[in-house]
Amino acid sequence: MVTARLGSGSSNQGEGFELEVIAAVVLGSTSLFGGFGTIVGTLLGVLTMAAIKNGLILAHVSPFYTQIATGLIVLLAIWLNTRILRTGRPLGRAGA
């Protein structure tokens, strides 16, 4: 988007967005271990991350805490992903 607006490219565009990208993809239920993931899930992850980030900005939360919240979301999503992969079934179906 930046390249399209400016009409030029730079080798360091997008620098610093790595954590946000990983958080959005993992939140969209794409496995870090490979094997599955959908574009729709990734888009939902991106929208969710944008909503969380905008909510924190509107609540006047420090940008440093926004990074911490993003990291916690990544850790939670990875934990849930590994738990689902280990059991082979979704979390809500433990009794069935």
C-alpha atoms as a PDB file:
ATOM      1  CA  MET A   1       0.000   0.000   0.000  1.00  0.00           C
ATOM      2  CA  VAL A   2       2.816   2.374   0.838  1.00  0.00           C
ATOM      3  CA  THR A   3       4.562   1.586  -2.435  1.00  0.00           C
ATOM      4  CA  ALA A   4       1.389   2.250  -4.404  1.00  0.00           C
ATOM      5  CA  ARG A   5       0.806   5.594  -2.710  1.00  0.00           C
ATOM      6  CA  LEU A   6       4.363   6.836  -2.998  1.00  0.00           C
ATOM      7  CA  GLY A   7       5.022   5.387  -6.428  1.00  0.00           C
ATOM      8  CA  SER A   8       8.347   3.973  -5.263  1.00  0.00           C
ATOM      9  CA  GLY A   9       9.671   1.059  -3.270  1.00  0.00           C
ATOM     10  CA  SER A  10      12.146   0.792  -0.444  1.00  0.00           C
ATOM     11  CA  SER A  11      13.974  -2.209   0.947  1.00  0.00           C
ATOM     12  CA  ASN A  12      13.007  -1.410   4.527  1.00  0.00           C
ATOM     13  CA  GLN A  13       9.268  -0.822   4.062  1.00  0.00           C
ATOM     14  CA  GLY A  14       7.237  -2.917   6.449  1.00  0.00           C
ATOM     15  CA  GLU A  15      10.067  -3.112   8.940  1.00  0.00           C
ATOM     16  CA  GLY A  16       8.731  -3.654  12.442  1.00  0.00           C
ATOM     17  CA  PHE A  17       5.482  -5.316  11.357  1.00  0.00           C
ATOM     18  CA  GLU A  18       6.749  -8.872  11.827  1.00  0.00           C
ATOM     19  CA  LEU A  19       5.046  -9.473  15.184  1.00  0.00           C
ATOM     20  CA  GLU A  20       1.732  -8.085  13.968  1.00  0.00           C
ATOM     21  CA  VAL A  21       1.804 -10.238  10.835  1.00  0.00           C
ATOM     22  CA  ILE A  22       2.609 -13.405  12.776  1.00  0.00           C
ATOM     23  CA  ALA A  23      -0.095 -12.569  15.326  1.00  0.00           C
ATOM     24  CA  ALA A  24      -2.729 -12.061  12.637  1.00  0.00           C
ATOM     25  CA  VAL A  25      -1.850 -15.280  10.819  1.00  0.00           C
ATOM     26  CA  VAL A  26      -1.729 -17.395  13.977  1.00  0.00           C
ATOM     27  CA  LEU A  27      -4.930 -15.806  15.260  1.00  0.00           C
ATOM     28  CA  GLY A  28      -6.542 -16.757  11.958  1.00  0.00           C
ATOM     29  CA  SER A  29      -5.879 -20.434  12.878  1.00  0.00           C
ATOM     30  CA  THR A  30      -2.965 -21.026  10.526  1.00  0.00           C
ATOM     31  CA  SER A  31      -0.637 -23.558  12.109  1.00  0.00           C
ATOM     32  CA  LEU A  32       2.963 -22.541  12.682  1.00  0.00           C
ATOM     33  CA  PHE A  33       3.844 -26.215  12.317  1.00  0.00           C
ATOM     34  CA  GLY A  34       2.488 -26.387   8.765  1.00  0.00           C
ATOM     35  CA  GLY A  35      -0.316 -28.405   7.275  1.00  0.00           C
ATOM     36  CA  PHE A  36      -3.373 -26.203   7.373  1.00  0.00           C
ATOM     37  CA  GLY A  37      -4.665 -22.675   7.236  1.00  0.00           C
ATOM     38  CA  THR A  38      -7.065 -20.701   5.074  1.00  0.00           C
ATOM     39  CA  ILE A  39      -7.107 -17.272   3.514  1.00  0.00           C
ATOM     40  CA  VAL A  40     -10.469 -16.552   5.132  1.00  0.00           C
ATOM     41  CA  GLY A  41      -9.046 -17.436   8.555  1.00  0.00           C
ATOM     42  CA  THR A  42      -6.064 -15.183   7.953  1.00  0.00           C
ATOM     43  CA  LEU A  43      -8.336 -12.305   6.916  1.00  0.00           C
ATOM     44  CA  LEU A  44     -10.410 -12.801  10.062  1.00  0.00           C
ATOM     45  CA  GLY A  45      -7.193 -12.777  12.089  1.00  0.00           C
ATOM     46  CA  VAL A  46      -6.123  -9.525  10.434  1.00  0.00           C
ATOM     47  CA  LEU A  47      -9.495  -7.919  11.143  1.00  0.00           C
ATOM     48  CA  THR A  48      -9.416  -9.114  14.749  1.00  0.00           C
ATOM     49  CA  MET A  49      -5.901  -7.769  15.292  1.00  0.00           C
ATOM     50  CA  ALA A  50      -6.886  -4.434  13.726  1.00  0.00           C
ATOM     51  CA  ALA A  51      -9.936  -4.195  15.993  1.00  0.00           C
ATOM     52  CA  ILE A  52      -7.868  -4.996  19.089  1.00  0.00           C
ATOM     53  CA  LYS A  53      -5.144  -2.535  18.136  1.00  0.00           C
ATOM     54  CA  ASN A  54      -7.658   0.240  17.370  1.00  0.00           C
ATOM     55  CA  GLY A  55      -9.492  -0.458  20.619  1.00  0.00           C
ATOM     56  CA  LEU A  56      -6.285  -0.114  22.594  1.00  0.00           C
ATOM     57  CA  ILE A  57      -5.461   3.136  20.807  1.00  0.00           C
ATOM     58  CA  LEU A  58      -8.940   4.530  21.507  1.00  0.00           C
ATOM     59  CA  ALA A  59      -8.520   3.553  25.167  1.00  0.00           C
ATOM     60  CA  HIS A  60      -5.321   5.663  25.224  1.00  0.00           C
ATOM     61  CA  VAL A  61      -3.128   2.663  26.031  1.00  0.00           C
ATOM     62  CA  SER A  62       0.606   3.207  25.591  1.00  0.00           C
ATOM     63  CA  PRO A  63       2.078   1.775  22.361  1.00  0.00           C
ATOM     64  CA  PHE A  64       4.449  -0.279  24.507  1.00  0.00           C
ATOM     65  CA  TYR A  65       1.494  -2.069  26.080  1.00  0.00           C
ATOM     66  CA  THR A  66       0.004  -2.599  22.624  1.00  0.00           C
ATOM     67  CA  GLN A  67       3.100  -4.616  21.702  1.00  0.00           C
ATOM     68  CA  ILE A  68       2.755  -6.612  24.920  1.00  0.00           C
ATOM     69  CA  ALA A  69      -0.901  -7.320  24.132  1.00  0.00           C
ATOM     70  CA  THR A  70       0.067  -8.485  20.634  1.00  0.00           C
ATOM     71  CA  GLY A  71       2.701 -10.813  22.082  1.00  0.00           C
ATOM     72  CA  LEU A  72       0.224 -12.245  24.582  1.00  0.00           C
ATOM     73  CA  ILE A  73      -2.266 -12.871  21.778  1.00  0.00           C
ATOM     74  CA  VAL A  74       0.417 -14.753  19.830  1.00  0.00           C
ATOM     75  CA  LEU A  75       1.298 -16.872  22.867  1.00  0.00           C
ATOM     76  CA  LEU A  76      -2.357 -17.657  23.561  1.00  0.00           C
ATOM     77  CA  ALA A  77      -3.036 -18.590  19.940  1.00  0.00           C
ATOM     78  CA  ILE A  78       0.037 -20.840  19.798  1.00  0.00           C
ATOM     79  CA  TRP A  79      -0.952 -22.523  23.064  1.00  0.00           C
ATOM     80  CA  LEU A  80      -4.467 -23.186  21.785  1.00  0.00           C
ATOM     81  CA  ASN A  81      -3.110 -24.424  18.458  1.00  0.00           C
ATOM     82  CA  THR A  82      -0.731 -26.908  20.085  1.00  0.00           C
ATOM     83  CA  ARG A  83      -3.438 -28.099  22.454  1.00  0.00           C
ATOM     84  CA  ILE A  84      -5.793 -28.778  19.558  1.00  0.00           C
ATOM     85  CA  LEU A  85      -3.046 -30.556  17.591  1.00  0.00           C
ATOM     86  CA  ARG A  86      -2.071 -32.685  20.587  1.00  0.00           C
ATOM     87  CA  THR A  87      -5.596 -33.904  21.329  1.00  0.00           C
ATOM     88  CA  GLY A  88      -6.740 -34.044  17.717  1.00  0.00           C
ATOM     89  CA  ARG A  89     -10.101 -32.476  18.513  1.00  0.00           C
ATOM     90  CA  PRO A  90     -11.439 -28.990  19.227  1.00  0.00           C
ATOM     91  CA  LEU A  91     -11.493 -27.787  22.835  1.00  0.00           C
ATOM     92  CA  GLY A  92     -15.287 -27.733  23.154  1.00  0.00           C
ATOM     93  CA  ARG A  93     -15.701 -31.449  22.382  1.00  0.00           C
ATOM     94  CA  ALA A  94     -13.936 -32.932  25.413  1.00  0.00           C
ATOM     95  CA  GLY A  95     -17.039 -34.673  26.777  1.00  0.00           C
ATOM     96  CA  ALA A  96     -18.400 -35.941  23.455  1.00  0.00           C
END
